[in-house]
Structures are given as C-alpha cells and as structure tokens.
Amino acid sequence: MVKKNVVRVAKLQFNAGQAKPGPALAGLGIVMPEFTRKFNDETKNRGSEPVPVKITVFKDKSFEFQLFTSPTSYKIKQAAKIESGSKKSKAEKVAKITLAQLKEIAEYKLPDLNTDNIEKAILTVYGTAKQMGVEVEGIEEFLQGVK
C-alpha cells in the first residue's frame, strides 16, 4: 500500500443526509459533489441530526472522511426536549433528564470519547449537561458510588 501525502485535515459538521457544496468545502480543494454524495449516502439513516466529520485531503485531490457521533449537547437537548441550554447554567436550570437518559447518551458517545469506561463516559456527559443548565435526576447516588 502506497502512503498518500496528506495536504489538509478539516473537521466540519453537516446535518445528516444534507451536505451541499459550499464555502466550507470549497477551501479543501476536493470534488465537492463526490464528497456530498458519499457523505449523504452514509448518513441518510441518521435523520437530520448534526454529524461531525473529519476530512483528510491528499495531494492528488482524493480524500477520506471519518464520521463521528452527534454532539453531546444535541443529544442532551433531544432528551430534555429543549431548543437550547441555559445562558446562566449555575443559576438557571432549563430542564431535567434521568440518569437512564444520561447513560443512554454516554453509551451512544462512547466510541468517540477517550475512555472505554462507561462510568467515566457518564461523568463526561454529565459535565456537558451541567454546563447547559440541565439537571440529572439520580446523579447524586451515582456520584457517591463512583468515588
């Protein structure tokens, strides 16, 4: 296998199945319709959720891309049925989710996190929820069990 020369690596985000040629892709120097077709084909079963993608561009204008799980904040907003998090997360709580919902999000995000431990993944997702002003029912007992 011949190693290709990497020219650029870009991290972008598009809604699943809805990538279109545009300014975000233009600067990469790839064949935009080819990328958008491949991306849309691979993400068409993910609804309209945002999908982070890492695009590696090679010297010969070819490319590879890697898809990631949707952002944690998106999954929390979905679980809590809210449009956005709190502007003042310490003072203003905007919603509540259950520990079971938090665990479900952590399991979904596990492949993209830098841990294989579900407890640490739950703590990571909890940190995001806390910053968004979303309370988690049952988290106190979980935190006592982790320490």
C-alpha atoms as a PDB file:
ATOM      1  CA  MET A   1       0.000   0.000   0.000  1.00  0.00           C
ATOM      2  CA  VAL A   2       1.359   3.381  -1.023  1.00  0.00           C
ATOM      3  CA  LYS A   3       1.194   6.113   1.573  1.00  0.00           C
ATOM      4  CA  LYS A   4      -0.505   9.245   0.226  1.00  0.00           C
ATOM      5  CA  ASN A   5       0.677  12.741   1.081  1.00  0.00           C
ATOM      6  CA  VAL A   6      -1.814  14.497   3.323  1.00  0.00           C
ATOM      7  CA  VAL A   7      -2.385  18.111   2.296  1.00  0.00           C
ATOM      8  CA  ARG A   8      -5.084  19.095   4.746  1.00  0.00           C
ATOM      9  CA  VAL A   9      -7.297  17.764   7.530  1.00  0.00           C
ATOM     10  CA  ALA A  10     -10.558  19.560   8.247  1.00  0.00           C
ATOM     11  CA  LYS A  11     -13.217  18.990  10.882  1.00  0.00           C
ATOM     12  CA  LEU A  12     -16.675  20.082   9.758  1.00  0.00           C
ATOM     13  CA  GLN A  13     -20.271  19.381  10.695  1.00  0.00           C
ATOM     14  CA  PHE A  14     -23.258  18.852   8.412  1.00  0.00           C
ATOM     15  CA  ASN A  15     -26.793  17.683   9.030  1.00  0.00           C
ATOM     16  CA  ALA A  16     -27.176  14.013   8.155  1.00  0.00           C
ATOM     17  CA  GLY A  17     -28.035  13.452   4.512  1.00  0.00           C
ATOM     18  CA  GLN A  18     -27.994  17.190   3.788  1.00  0.00           C
ATOM     19  CA  ALA A  19     -24.402  18.133   2.890  1.00  0.00           C
ATOM     20  CA  LYS A  20     -24.211  20.534  -0.057  1.00  0.00           C
ATOM     21  CA  PRO A  21     -21.297  22.031  -1.980  1.00  0.00           C
ATOM     22  CA  GLY A  22     -20.463  25.381  -0.412  1.00  0.00           C
ATOM     23  CA  PRO A  23     -17.823  27.619   1.154  1.00  0.00           C
ATOM     24  CA  ALA A  24     -16.949  25.139   3.914  1.00  0.00           C
ATOM     25  CA  LEU A  25     -15.919  22.535   1.337  1.00  0.00           C
ATOM     26  CA  ALA A  26     -14.592  24.891  -1.343  1.00  0.00           C
ATOM     27  CA  GLY A  27     -11.383  25.655   0.532  1.00  0.00           C
ATOM     28  CA  LEU A  28     -10.486  21.983   0.804  1.00  0.00           C
ATOM     29  CA  GLY A  29      -9.848  21.524  -2.911  1.00  0.00           C
ATOM     30  CA  ILE A  30     -11.849  18.305  -3.214  1.00  0.00           C
ATOM     31  CA  VAL A  31     -14.504  17.357  -5.729  1.00  0.00           C
ATOM     32  CA  MET A  32     -17.447  18.692  -3.710  1.00  0.00           C
ATOM     33  CA  PRO A  33     -20.266  16.737  -5.427  1.00  0.00           C
ATOM     34  CA  GLU A  34     -18.369  13.487  -4.840  1.00  0.00           C
ATOM     35  CA  PHE A  35     -17.939  14.219  -1.132  1.00  0.00           C
ATOM     36  CA  THR A  36     -21.532  15.362  -0.630  1.00  0.00           C
ATOM     37  CA  ARG A  37     -22.892  12.278  -2.414  1.00  0.00           C
ATOM     38  CA  LYS A  38     -20.774   9.891  -0.307  1.00  0.00           C
ATOM     39  CA  PHE A  39     -21.492  11.763   2.937  1.00  0.00           C
ATOM     40  CA  ASN A  40     -25.237  11.919   2.278  1.00  0.00           C
ATOM     41  CA  ASP A  41     -25.350   8.210   1.372  1.00  0.00           C
ATOM     42  CA  GLU A  42     -23.558   7.224   4.589  1.00  0.00           C
ATOM     43  CA  THR A  43     -25.674   9.458   6.833  1.00  0.00           C
ATOM     44  CA  LYS A  44     -29.129   9.162   5.265  1.00  0.00           C
ATOM     45  CA  ASN A  45     -30.361   6.874   8.087  1.00  0.00           C
ATOM     46  CA  ARG A  46     -29.444   9.348  10.851  1.00  0.00           C
ATOM     47  CA  GLY A  47     -32.439  11.654  10.400  1.00  0.00           C
ATOM     48  CA  SER A  48     -31.434  15.300  10.303  1.00  0.00           C
ATOM     49  CA  GLU A  49     -29.066  15.259  13.278  1.00  0.00           C
ATOM     50  CA  PRO A  50     -25.755  17.117  13.032  1.00  0.00           C
ATOM     51  CA  VAL A  51     -22.893  14.811  12.065  1.00  0.00           C
ATOM     52  CA  PRO A  52     -19.293  15.844  12.739  1.00  0.00           C
ATOM     53  CA  VAL A  53     -16.895  14.684  10.022  1.00  0.00           C
ATOM     54  CA  LYS A  54     -13.110  14.687   9.703  1.00  0.00           C
ATOM     55  CA  ILE A  55     -11.997  15.041   6.078  1.00  0.00           C
ATOM     56  CA  THR A  56      -8.433  14.147   5.116  1.00  0.00           C
ATOM     57  CA  VAL A  57      -7.390  15.631   1.759  1.00  0.00           C
ATOM     58  CA  PHE A  58      -4.462  14.155  -0.163  1.00  0.00           C
ATOM     59  CA  LYS A  59      -2.073  15.750  -2.662  1.00  0.00           C
ATOM     60  CA  ASP A  60      -3.816  14.066  -5.633  1.00  0.00           C
ATOM     61  CA  LYS A  61      -7.130  15.751  -4.579  1.00  0.00           C
ATOM     62  CA  SER A  62      -8.558  12.461  -3.323  1.00  0.00           C
ATOM     63  CA  PHE A  63      -9.984  12.352   0.187  1.00  0.00           C
ATOM     64  CA  GLU A  64     -11.111  10.149   3.043  1.00  0.00           C
ATOM     65  CA  PHE A  65     -13.619  11.034   5.695  1.00  0.00           C
ATOM     66  CA  GLN A  66     -14.498   9.734   9.122  1.00  0.00           C
ATOM     67  CA  LEU A  67     -17.927  10.230  10.685  1.00  0.00           C
ATOM     68  CA  PHE A  68     -18.447  10.807  14.394  1.00  0.00           C
ATOM     69  CA  THR A  69     -21.416  10.616  16.723  1.00  0.00           C
ATOM     70  CA  SER A  70     -23.642  13.674  17.039  1.00  0.00           C
ATOM     71  CA  PRO A  71     -22.567  16.306  19.592  1.00  0.00           C
ATOM     72  CA  THR A  72     -23.347  15.553  23.227  1.00  0.00           C
ATOM     73  CA  SER A  73     -25.226  18.840  23.592  1.00  0.00           C
ATOM     74  CA  TYR A  74     -27.509  17.888  20.683  1.00  0.00           C
ATOM     75  CA  LYS A  75     -28.350  14.540  22.317  1.00  0.00           C
ATOM     76  CA  ILE A  76     -28.995  16.212  25.692  1.00  0.00           C
ATOM     77  CA  LYS A  77     -31.297  18.812  24.108  1.00  0.00           C
ATOM     78  CA  GLN A  78     -33.117  15.992  22.330  1.00  0.00           C
ATOM     79  CA  ALA A  79     -33.560  14.011  25.574  1.00  0.00           C
ATOM     80  CA  ALA A  80     -34.677  17.085  27.530  1.00  0.00           C
ATOM     81  CA  LYS A  81     -36.912  18.312  24.675  1.00  0.00           C
ATOM     82  CA  ILE A  82     -35.415  21.812  24.724  1.00  0.00           C
ATOM     83  CA  GLU A  83     -34.172  24.164  21.995  1.00  0.00           C
ATOM     84  CA  SER A  84     -31.094  25.452  23.820  1.00  0.00           C
ATOM     85  CA  GLY A  85     -29.249  25.271  27.106  1.00  0.00           C
ATOM     86  CA  SER A  86     -29.272  27.875  29.859  1.00  0.00           C
ATOM     87  CA  LYS A  87     -27.394  31.138  29.411  1.00  0.00           C
ATOM     88  CA  LYS A  88     -26.632  31.052  33.163  1.00  0.00           C
ATOM     89  CA  SER A  89     -26.164  27.347  33.861  1.00  0.00           C
ATOM     90  CA  LYS A  90     -25.254  27.780  37.538  1.00  0.00           C
ATOM     91  CA  ALA A  91     -28.278  29.913  38.399  1.00  0.00           C
ATOM     92  CA  GLU A  92     -30.893  28.861  35.869  1.00  0.00           C
ATOM     93  CA  LYS A  93     -31.886  25.242  35.243  1.00  0.00           C
ATOM     94  CA  VAL A  94     -33.796  24.748  31.992  1.00  0.00           C
ATOM     95  CA  ALA A  95     -34.728  21.058  32.104  1.00  0.00           C
ATOM     96  CA  LYS A  96     -34.323  17.679  33.772  1.00  0.00           C
ATOM     97  CA  ILE A  97     -33.308  14.328  32.367  1.00  0.00           C
ATOM     98  CA  THR A  98     -32.996  10.982  34.123  1.00  0.00           C
ATOM     99  CA  LEU A  99     -29.820   9.092  34.895  1.00  0.00           C
ATOM    100  CA  ALA A 100     -31.045   6.403  32.461  1.00  0.00           C
ATOM    101  CA  GLN A 101     -31.245   9.002  29.659  1.00  0.00           C
ATOM    102  CA  LEU A 102     -27.776  10.268  30.574  1.00  0.00           C
ATOM    103  CA  LYS A 103     -26.400   6.709  30.473  1.00  0.00           C
ATOM    104  CA  GLU A 104     -28.019   6.125  27.078  1.00  0.00           C
ATOM    105  CA  ILE A 105     -26.304   9.250  25.703  1.00  0.00           C
ATOM    106  CA  ALA A 106     -22.979   8.152  27.247  1.00  0.00           C
ATOM    107  CA  GLU A 107     -23.282   4.720  25.602  1.00  0.00           C
ATOM    108  CA  TYR A 108     -24.011   6.405  22.259  1.00  0.00           C
ATOM    109  CA  LYS A 109     -20.985   8.734  22.638  1.00  0.00           C
ATOM    110  CA  LEU A 110     -18.578   6.055  23.950  1.00  0.00           C
ATOM    111  CA  PRO A 111     -16.905   5.317  20.560  1.00  0.00           C
ATOM    112  CA  ASP A 112     -15.836   8.978  20.247  1.00  0.00           C
ATOM    113  CA  LEU A 113     -14.711   9.516  23.840  1.00  0.00           C
ATOM    114  CA  ASN A 114     -11.181   8.935  25.119  1.00  0.00           C
ATOM    115  CA  THR A 115     -12.337   6.222  27.527  1.00  0.00           C
ATOM    116  CA  ASP A 116     -13.823   2.743  27.365  1.00  0.00           C
ATOM    117  CA  ASN A 117     -15.235   3.044  30.891  1.00  0.00           C
ATOM    118  CA  ILE A 118     -18.987   3.727  30.900  1.00  0.00           C
ATOM    119  CA  GLU A 119     -18.817   5.428  34.328  1.00  0.00           C
ATOM    120  CA  LYS A 120     -16.258   7.939  33.051  1.00  0.00           C
ATOM    121  CA  ALA A 121     -18.350   8.457  29.904  1.00  0.00           C
ATOM    122  CA  ILE A 122     -21.394   9.183  32.100  1.00  0.00           C
ATOM    123  CA  LEU A 123     -19.346  11.748  34.055  1.00  0.00           C
ATOM    124  CA  THR A 124     -18.244  13.401  30.801  1.00  0.00           C
ATOM    125  CA  VAL A 125     -21.809  13.659  29.514  1.00  0.00           C
ATOM    126  CA  TYR A 126     -22.981  14.858  32.939  1.00  0.00           C
ATOM    127  CA  GLY A 127     -20.433  17.694  32.762  1.00  0.00           C
ATOM    128  CA  THR A 128     -21.940  18.820  29.466  1.00  0.00           C
ATOM    129  CA  ALA A 129     -25.492  18.608  30.853  1.00  0.00           C
ATOM    130  CA  LYS A 130     -24.462  20.618  33.908  1.00  0.00           C
ATOM    131  CA  GLN A 131     -22.904  23.337  31.718  1.00  0.00           C
ATOM    132  CA  MET A 132     -26.150  23.510  29.742  1.00  0.00           C
ATOM    133  CA  GLY A 133     -28.257  24.002  32.876  1.00  0.00           C
ATOM    134  CA  VAL A 134     -29.854  20.556  32.578  1.00  0.00           C
ATOM    135  CA  GLU A 135     -30.367  18.717  35.862  1.00  0.00           C
ATOM    136  CA  VAL A 136     -29.968  14.942  36.074  1.00  0.00           C
ATOM    137  CA  GLU A 137     -32.317  13.052  38.386  1.00  0.00           C
ATOM    138  CA  GLY A 138     -30.467  10.391  40.371  1.00  0.00           C
ATOM    139  CA  ILE A 139     -26.958  11.690  39.675  1.00  0.00           C
ATOM    140  CA  GLU A 140     -26.119  12.186  43.378  1.00  0.00           C
ATOM    141  CA  GLU A 141     -26.387   8.450  44.128  1.00  0.00           C
ATOM    142  CA  PHE A 142     -24.336   7.655  41.029  1.00  0.00           C
ATOM    143  CA  LEU A 143     -21.607  10.127  42.024  1.00  0.00           C
ATOM    144  CA  GLN A 144     -21.388   8.622  45.530  1.00  0.00           C
ATOM    145  CA  GLY A 145     -20.997   5.153  44.012  1.00  0.00           C
ATOM    146  CA  VAL A 146     -18.181   6.276  41.712  1.00  0.00           C
ATOM    147  CA  LYS A 147     -15.998   7.845  44.431  1.00  0.00           C
END
